[in-house]
Amino acid sequence: MTFELLQAYLRLFEKDKKLNVWHQALLNAILHLACLQKQKKVIRVSRRRLMAFSHISTLPTYHKYFKELQDMGYIAYRPSYHPGYKSEIELLISPKISIKKV
């Protein structure tokens, strides 16, 4: 994920008034993993890492806001039931990027 794409996602999230601090924390954790994995759309995740990166410490809070992000159309979640494979999150939104040439 490029810096410009990351900025575009953050600007997009900033404009949505339905997103609260918990949604933002989870989205930031997902984008952080995308940057670490050098991915743009499909990110391999584990609940443990998402909770750690987002600083969400309780399962009910995590599940509530993770489900809401799915319901709002921000992410699609594909669970892996195999212990050796991580689950995947797909970013369903595509921000518009305007790159200014200097």
N, C-alpha and C. Protein backbone atom coordinates (compact mmCIF):
# COMPACT_ATOMS: atom_id res chain seq x y z
N MET A 1 0.85 -1.17 0.00
CA MET A 1 0.00 0.00 0.00
C MET A 1 0.90 1.23 0.00
N THR A 2 0.59 2.15 -0.88
CA THR A 2 1.37 3.37 -0.97
C THR A 2 0.89 4.40 0.05
N PHE A 3 1.72 5.38 0.29
CA PHE A 3 1.38 6.44 1.22
C PHE A 3 0.16 7.22 0.71
N GLU A 4 0.10 7.45 -0.60
CA GLU A 4 -1.02 8.20 -1.16
C GLU A 4 -2.33 7.43 -0.99
N LEU A 5 -2.29 6.12 -1.17
CA LEU A 5 -3.49 5.31 -1.00
C LEU A 5 -3.92 5.30 0.47
N LEU A 6 -2.97 5.19 1.36
CA LEU A 6 -3.26 5.24 2.79
C LEU A 6 -3.91 6.56 3.17
N GLN A 7 -3.36 7.67 2.68
CA GLN A 7 -3.96 8.98 2.94
C GLN A 7 -5.37 9.07 2.39
N ALA A 8 -5.59 8.53 1.21
CA ALA A 8 -6.91 8.57 0.59
C ALA A 8 -7.93 7.80 1.42
N TYR A 9 -7.54 6.64 1.93
CA TYR A 9 -8.44 5.88 2.80
C TYR A 9 -8.76 6.67 4.06
N LEU A 10 -7.75 7.26 4.68
CA LEU A 10 -7.98 8.02 5.91
C LEU A 10 -8.89 9.21 5.67
N ARG A 11 -8.74 9.90 4.54
CA ARG A 11 -9.63 11.01 4.20
C ARG A 11 -11.07 10.52 4.01
N LEU A 12 -11.21 9.37 3.38
CA LEU A 12 -12.53 8.79 3.15
C LEU A 12 -13.21 8.44 4.48
N PHE A 13 -12.46 7.82 5.38
CA PHE A 13 -13.02 7.45 6.68
C PHE A 13 -13.39 8.69 7.49
N GLU A 14 -12.59 9.73 7.36
CA GLU A 14 -12.81 10.97 8.10
C GLU A 14 -14.14 11.62 7.73
N LYS A 15 -14.56 11.44 6.49
CA LYS A 15 -15.79 12.09 6.02
C LYS A 15 -17.07 11.37 6.44
N ASP A 16 -16.97 10.10 6.81
CA ASP A 16 -18.15 9.33 7.16
C ASP A 16 -18.50 9.56 8.63
N LYS A 17 -19.60 10.23 8.87
CA LYS A 17 -20.03 10.57 10.23
C LYS A 17 -20.57 9.37 11.01
N LYS A 18 -20.85 8.25 10.31
CA LYS A 18 -21.34 7.06 11.00
C LYS A 18 -20.22 6.33 11.74
N LEU A 19 -18.99 6.58 11.36
CA LEU A 19 -17.85 5.90 11.98
C LEU A 19 -17.48 6.57 13.30
N ASN A 20 -17.36 5.75 14.34
CA ASN A 20 -16.93 6.30 15.62
C ASN A 20 -15.48 5.88 15.88
N VAL A 21 -14.99 6.14 17.07
CA VAL A 21 -13.59 5.90 17.39
C VAL A 21 -13.23 4.41 17.30
N TRP A 22 -14.17 3.53 17.63
CA TRP A 22 -13.90 2.09 17.57
C TRP A 22 -13.82 1.60 16.14
N HIS A 23 -14.70 2.11 15.28
CA HIS A 23 -14.60 1.78 13.85
C HIS A 23 -13.26 2.26 13.30
N GLN A 24 -12.92 3.50 13.64
CA GLN A 24 -11.66 4.08 13.16
C GLN A 24 -10.47 3.25 13.63
N ALA A 25 -10.50 2.80 14.88
CA ALA A 25 -9.39 2.01 15.41
C ALA A 25 -9.23 0.70 14.63
N LEU A 26 -10.34 0.03 14.36
CA LEU A 26 -10.27 -1.21 13.59
C LEU A 26 -9.81 -0.96 12.15
N LEU A 27 -10.33 0.08 11.53
CA LEU A 27 -9.91 0.39 10.16
C LEU A 27 -8.43 0.75 10.10
N ASN A 28 -7.97 1.49 11.09
CA ASN A 28 -6.54 1.82 11.14
C ASN A 28 -5.70 0.56 11.32
N ALA A 29 -6.16 -0.37 12.14
CA ALA A 29 -5.43 -1.63 12.33
C ALA A 29 -5.39 -2.43 11.03
N ILE A 30 -6.50 -2.45 10.30
CA ILE A 30 -6.54 -3.16 9.01
C ILE A 30 -5.59 -2.51 8.02
N LEU A 31 -5.60 -1.18 7.95
CA LEU A 31 -4.69 -0.48 7.04
C LEU A 31 -3.24 -0.68 7.45
N HIS A 32 -2.98 -0.73 8.74
CA HIS A 32 -1.62 -0.98 9.23
C HIS A 32 -1.14 -2.36 8.74
N LEU A 33 -1.98 -3.37 8.87
CA LEU A 33 -1.62 -4.71 8.38
C LEU A 33 -1.44 -4.71 6.87
N ALA A 34 -2.28 -3.95 6.16
CA ALA A 34 -2.14 -3.87 4.70
C ALA A 34 -0.78 -3.28 4.33
N CYS A 35 -0.36 -2.27 5.06
CA CYS A 35 0.96 -1.67 4.81
C CYS A 35 2.07 -2.66 5.10
N LEU A 36 1.97 -3.37 6.21
CA LEU A 36 3.00 -4.35 6.57
C LEU A 36 3.09 -5.47 5.54
N GLN A 37 1.94 -5.86 4.98
CA GLN A 37 1.91 -6.94 4.00
C GLN A 37 2.08 -6.46 2.57
N LYS A 38 2.15 -5.14 2.39
CA LYS A 38 2.27 -4.53 1.06
C LYS A 38 1.11 -4.96 0.15
N GLN A 39 -0.09 -4.93 0.73
CA GLN A 39 -1.31 -5.29 0.01
C GLN A 39 -2.19 -4.07 -0.16
N LYS A 40 -3.08 -4.13 -1.15
CA LYS A 40 -4.00 -3.02 -1.39
C LYS A 40 -5.45 -3.38 -1.09
N LYS A 41 -5.84 -4.60 -1.34
CA LYS A 41 -7.25 -4.97 -1.21
C LYS A 41 -7.50 -6.11 -0.22
N VAL A 42 -6.76 -7.20 -0.34
CA VAL A 42 -6.99 -8.39 0.47
C VAL A 42 -5.87 -8.52 1.49
N ILE A 43 -6.26 -8.53 2.76
CA ILE A 43 -5.29 -8.54 3.85
C ILE A 43 -5.53 -9.77 4.71
N ARG A 44 -4.46 -10.47 5.04
CA ARG A 44 -4.56 -11.63 5.94
C ARG A 44 -4.49 -11.12 7.38
N VAL A 45 -5.45 -11.57 8.18
CA VAL A 45 -5.58 -11.04 9.54
C VAL A 45 -5.80 -12.14 10.56
N SER A 46 -5.52 -11.80 11.78
CA SER A 46 -5.94 -12.63 12.91
C SER A 46 -6.62 -11.69 13.91
N ARG A 47 -7.57 -12.22 14.62
CA ARG A 47 -8.29 -11.40 15.60
C ARG A 47 -7.32 -10.84 16.64
N ARG A 48 -6.39 -11.65 17.06
CA ARG A 48 -5.44 -11.23 18.09
C ARG A 48 -4.65 -9.99 17.64
N ARG A 49 -4.16 -9.99 16.40
CA ARG A 49 -3.38 -8.84 15.92
C ARG A 49 -4.26 -7.61 15.73
N LEU A 50 -5.47 -7.80 15.20
CA LEU A 50 -6.37 -6.66 15.02
C LEU A 50 -6.72 -6.03 16.36
N MET A 51 -6.98 -6.86 17.34
CA MET A 51 -7.30 -6.33 18.67
C MET A 51 -6.10 -5.61 19.27
N ALA A 52 -4.92 -6.15 19.07
CA ALA A 52 -3.72 -5.51 19.62
C ALA A 52 -3.45 -4.17 18.93
N PHE A 53 -3.53 -4.14 17.60
CA PHE A 53 -3.25 -2.91 16.86
C PHE A 53 -4.31 -1.84 17.10
N SER A 54 -5.56 -2.26 17.32
CA SER A 54 -6.64 -1.29 17.52
C SER A 54 -6.82 -0.91 18.98
N HIS A 55 -6.12 -1.58 19.88
CA HIS A 55 -6.22 -1.35 21.32
C HIS A 55 -7.63 -1.62 21.85
N ILE A 56 -8.29 -2.58 21.23
CA ILE A 56 -9.59 -3.04 21.73
C ILE A 56 -9.30 -4.28 22.57
N SER A 57 -9.75 -4.27 23.81
CA SER A 57 -9.35 -5.34 24.72
C SER A 57 -10.46 -6.33 25.05
N THR A 58 -11.70 -6.05 24.65
CA THR A 58 -12.78 -6.99 24.96
C THR A 58 -13.38 -7.56 23.68
N LEU A 59 -13.70 -8.86 23.73
CA LEU A 59 -14.27 -9.52 22.55
C LEU A 59 -15.61 -8.95 22.12
N PRO A 60 -16.54 -8.66 23.05
CA PRO A 60 -17.82 -8.11 22.60
C PRO A 60 -17.65 -6.79 21.83
N THR A 61 -16.77 -5.92 22.29
CA THR A 61 -16.54 -4.65 21.60
C THR A 61 -15.96 -4.90 20.22
N TYR A 62 -14.96 -5.77 20.16
CA TYR A 62 -14.33 -6.10 18.88
C TYR A 62 -15.37 -6.64 17.89
N HIS A 63 -16.14 -7.64 18.31
CA HIS A 63 -17.12 -8.26 17.41
C HIS A 63 -18.21 -7.29 16.97
N LYS A 64 -18.65 -6.45 17.88
CA LYS A 64 -19.70 -5.48 17.55
C LYS A 64 -19.25 -4.55 16.43
N TYR A 65 -18.10 -3.93 16.59
CA TYR A 65 -17.66 -2.94 15.61
C TYR A 65 -17.11 -3.58 14.34
N PHE A 66 -16.56 -4.77 14.45
CA PHE A 66 -16.11 -5.50 13.26
C PHE A 66 -17.32 -5.85 12.40
N LYS A 67 -18.40 -6.32 13.03
CA LYS A 67 -19.64 -6.65 12.32
C LYS A 67 -20.25 -5.40 11.69
N GLU A 68 -20.24 -4.30 12.40
CA GLU A 68 -20.79 -3.06 11.86
C GLU A 68 -20.02 -2.60 10.62
N LEU A 69 -18.70 -2.77 10.62
CA LEU A 69 -17.91 -2.40 9.43
C LEU A 69 -18.31 -3.25 8.23
N GLN A 70 -18.63 -4.51 8.48
CA GLN A 70 -19.11 -5.37 7.40
C GLN A 70 -20.49 -4.91 6.93
N ASP A 71 -21.37 -4.62 7.86
CA ASP A 71 -22.73 -4.18 7.52
C ASP A 71 -22.73 -2.85 6.77
N MET A 72 -21.78 -1.96 7.09
CA MET A 72 -21.69 -0.67 6.41
C MET A 72 -21.04 -0.78 5.03
N GLY A 73 -20.49 -1.93 4.71
CA GLY A 73 -19.92 -2.13 3.39
C GLY A 73 -18.46 -1.71 3.26
N TYR A 74 -17.79 -1.55 4.36
CA TYR A 74 -16.37 -1.19 4.31
C TYR A 74 -15.47 -2.40 4.05
N ILE A 75 -15.82 -3.53 4.66
CA ILE A 75 -14.98 -4.72 4.54
C ILE A 75 -15.83 -5.95 4.26
N ALA A 76 -15.19 -6.95 3.66
CA ALA A 76 -15.77 -8.29 3.53
C ALA A 76 -14.81 -9.22 4.27
N TYR A 77 -15.36 -10.07 5.10
CA TYR A 77 -14.55 -10.95 5.93
C TYR A 77 -14.71 -12.38 5.44
N ARG A 78 -13.58 -13.03 5.20
CA ARG A 78 -13.58 -14.44 4.80
C ARG A 78 -12.80 -15.22 5.86
N PRO A 79 -13.53 -15.88 6.77
CA PRO A 79 -12.85 -16.59 7.85
C PRO A 79 -12.15 -17.85 7.34
N SER A 80 -11.08 -18.19 8.00
CA SER A 80 -10.38 -19.44 7.74
C SER A 80 -10.56 -20.30 8.98
N TYR A 81 -11.05 -21.49 8.76
CA TYR A 81 -11.28 -22.38 9.90
C TYR A 81 -10.10 -23.34 10.08
N HIS A 82 -9.06 -23.12 9.31
CA HIS A 82 -7.86 -23.94 9.40
C HIS A 82 -6.85 -23.21 10.30
N PRO A 83 -6.30 -23.89 11.28
CA PRO A 83 -5.38 -23.21 12.20
C PRO A 83 -4.09 -22.71 11.54
N GLY A 84 -3.74 -23.25 10.39
CA GLY A 84 -2.51 -22.84 9.72
C GLY A 84 -2.68 -21.70 8.74
N TYR A 85 -3.92 -21.30 8.48
CA TYR A 85 -4.19 -20.23 7.51
C TYR A 85 -4.92 -19.08 8.20
N LYS A 86 -4.51 -17.88 7.89
CA LYS A 86 -5.17 -16.71 8.47
C LYS A 86 -6.43 -16.38 7.68
N SER A 87 -7.35 -15.71 8.36
CA SER A 87 -8.56 -15.22 7.70
C SER A 87 -8.19 -14.03 6.82
N GLU A 88 -9.11 -13.66 5.93
CA GLU A 88 -8.85 -12.54 5.03
C GLU A 88 -9.92 -11.48 5.17
N ILE A 89 -9.48 -10.24 5.03
CA ILE A 89 -10.39 -9.10 4.95
C ILE A 89 -10.14 -8.44 3.61
N GLU A 90 -11.22 -8.15 2.92
CA GLU A 90 -11.13 -7.40 1.66
C GLU A 90 -11.70 -6.02 1.88
N LEU A 91 -10.93 -5.00 1.51
CA LEU A 91 -11.43 -3.63 1.57
C LEU A 91 -12.36 -3.43 0.39
N LEU A 92 -13.63 -3.15 0.65
CA LEU A 92 -14.63 -3.03 -0.40
C LEU A 92 -14.73 -1.64 -0.99
N ILE A 93 -14.18 -0.67 -0.31
CA ILE A 93 -14.25 0.71 -0.78
C ILE A 93 -12.97 1.06 -1.52
N SER A 94 -13.11 1.94 -2.48
CA SER A 94 -11.93 2.40 -3.22
C SER A 94 -11.91 3.91 -3.20
N PRO A 95 -10.97 4.48 -2.50
CA PRO A 95 -10.89 5.95 -2.47
C PRO A 95 -10.37 6.49 -3.78
N LYS A 96 -10.79 7.69 -4.10
CA LYS A 96 -10.28 8.37 -5.28
C LYS A 96 -8.96 9.02 -4.91
N ILE A 97 -7.97 8.79 -5.73
CA ILE A 97 -6.65 9.33 -5.46
C ILE A 97 -6.33 10.39 -6.49
N SER A 98 -6.00 11.56 -6.00
CA SER A 98 -5.55 12.61 -6.90
C SER A 98 -4.08 12.89 -6.57
N ILE A 99 -3.23 12.54 -7.49
CA ILE A 99 -1.81 12.73 -7.29
C ILE A 99 -1.40 14.02 -7.98
N LYS A 100 -0.87 14.93 -7.18
CA LYS A 100 -0.45 16.22 -7.71
C LYS A 100 1.01 16.14 -8.11
N LYS A 101 1.29 16.50 -9.34
CA LYS A 101 2.68 16.52 -9.80
C LYS A 101 3.25 17.90 -9.56
N VAL A 102 4.44 17.90 -9.02
CA VAL A 102 5.10 19.17 -8.71
C VAL A 102 6.11 19.47 -9.77
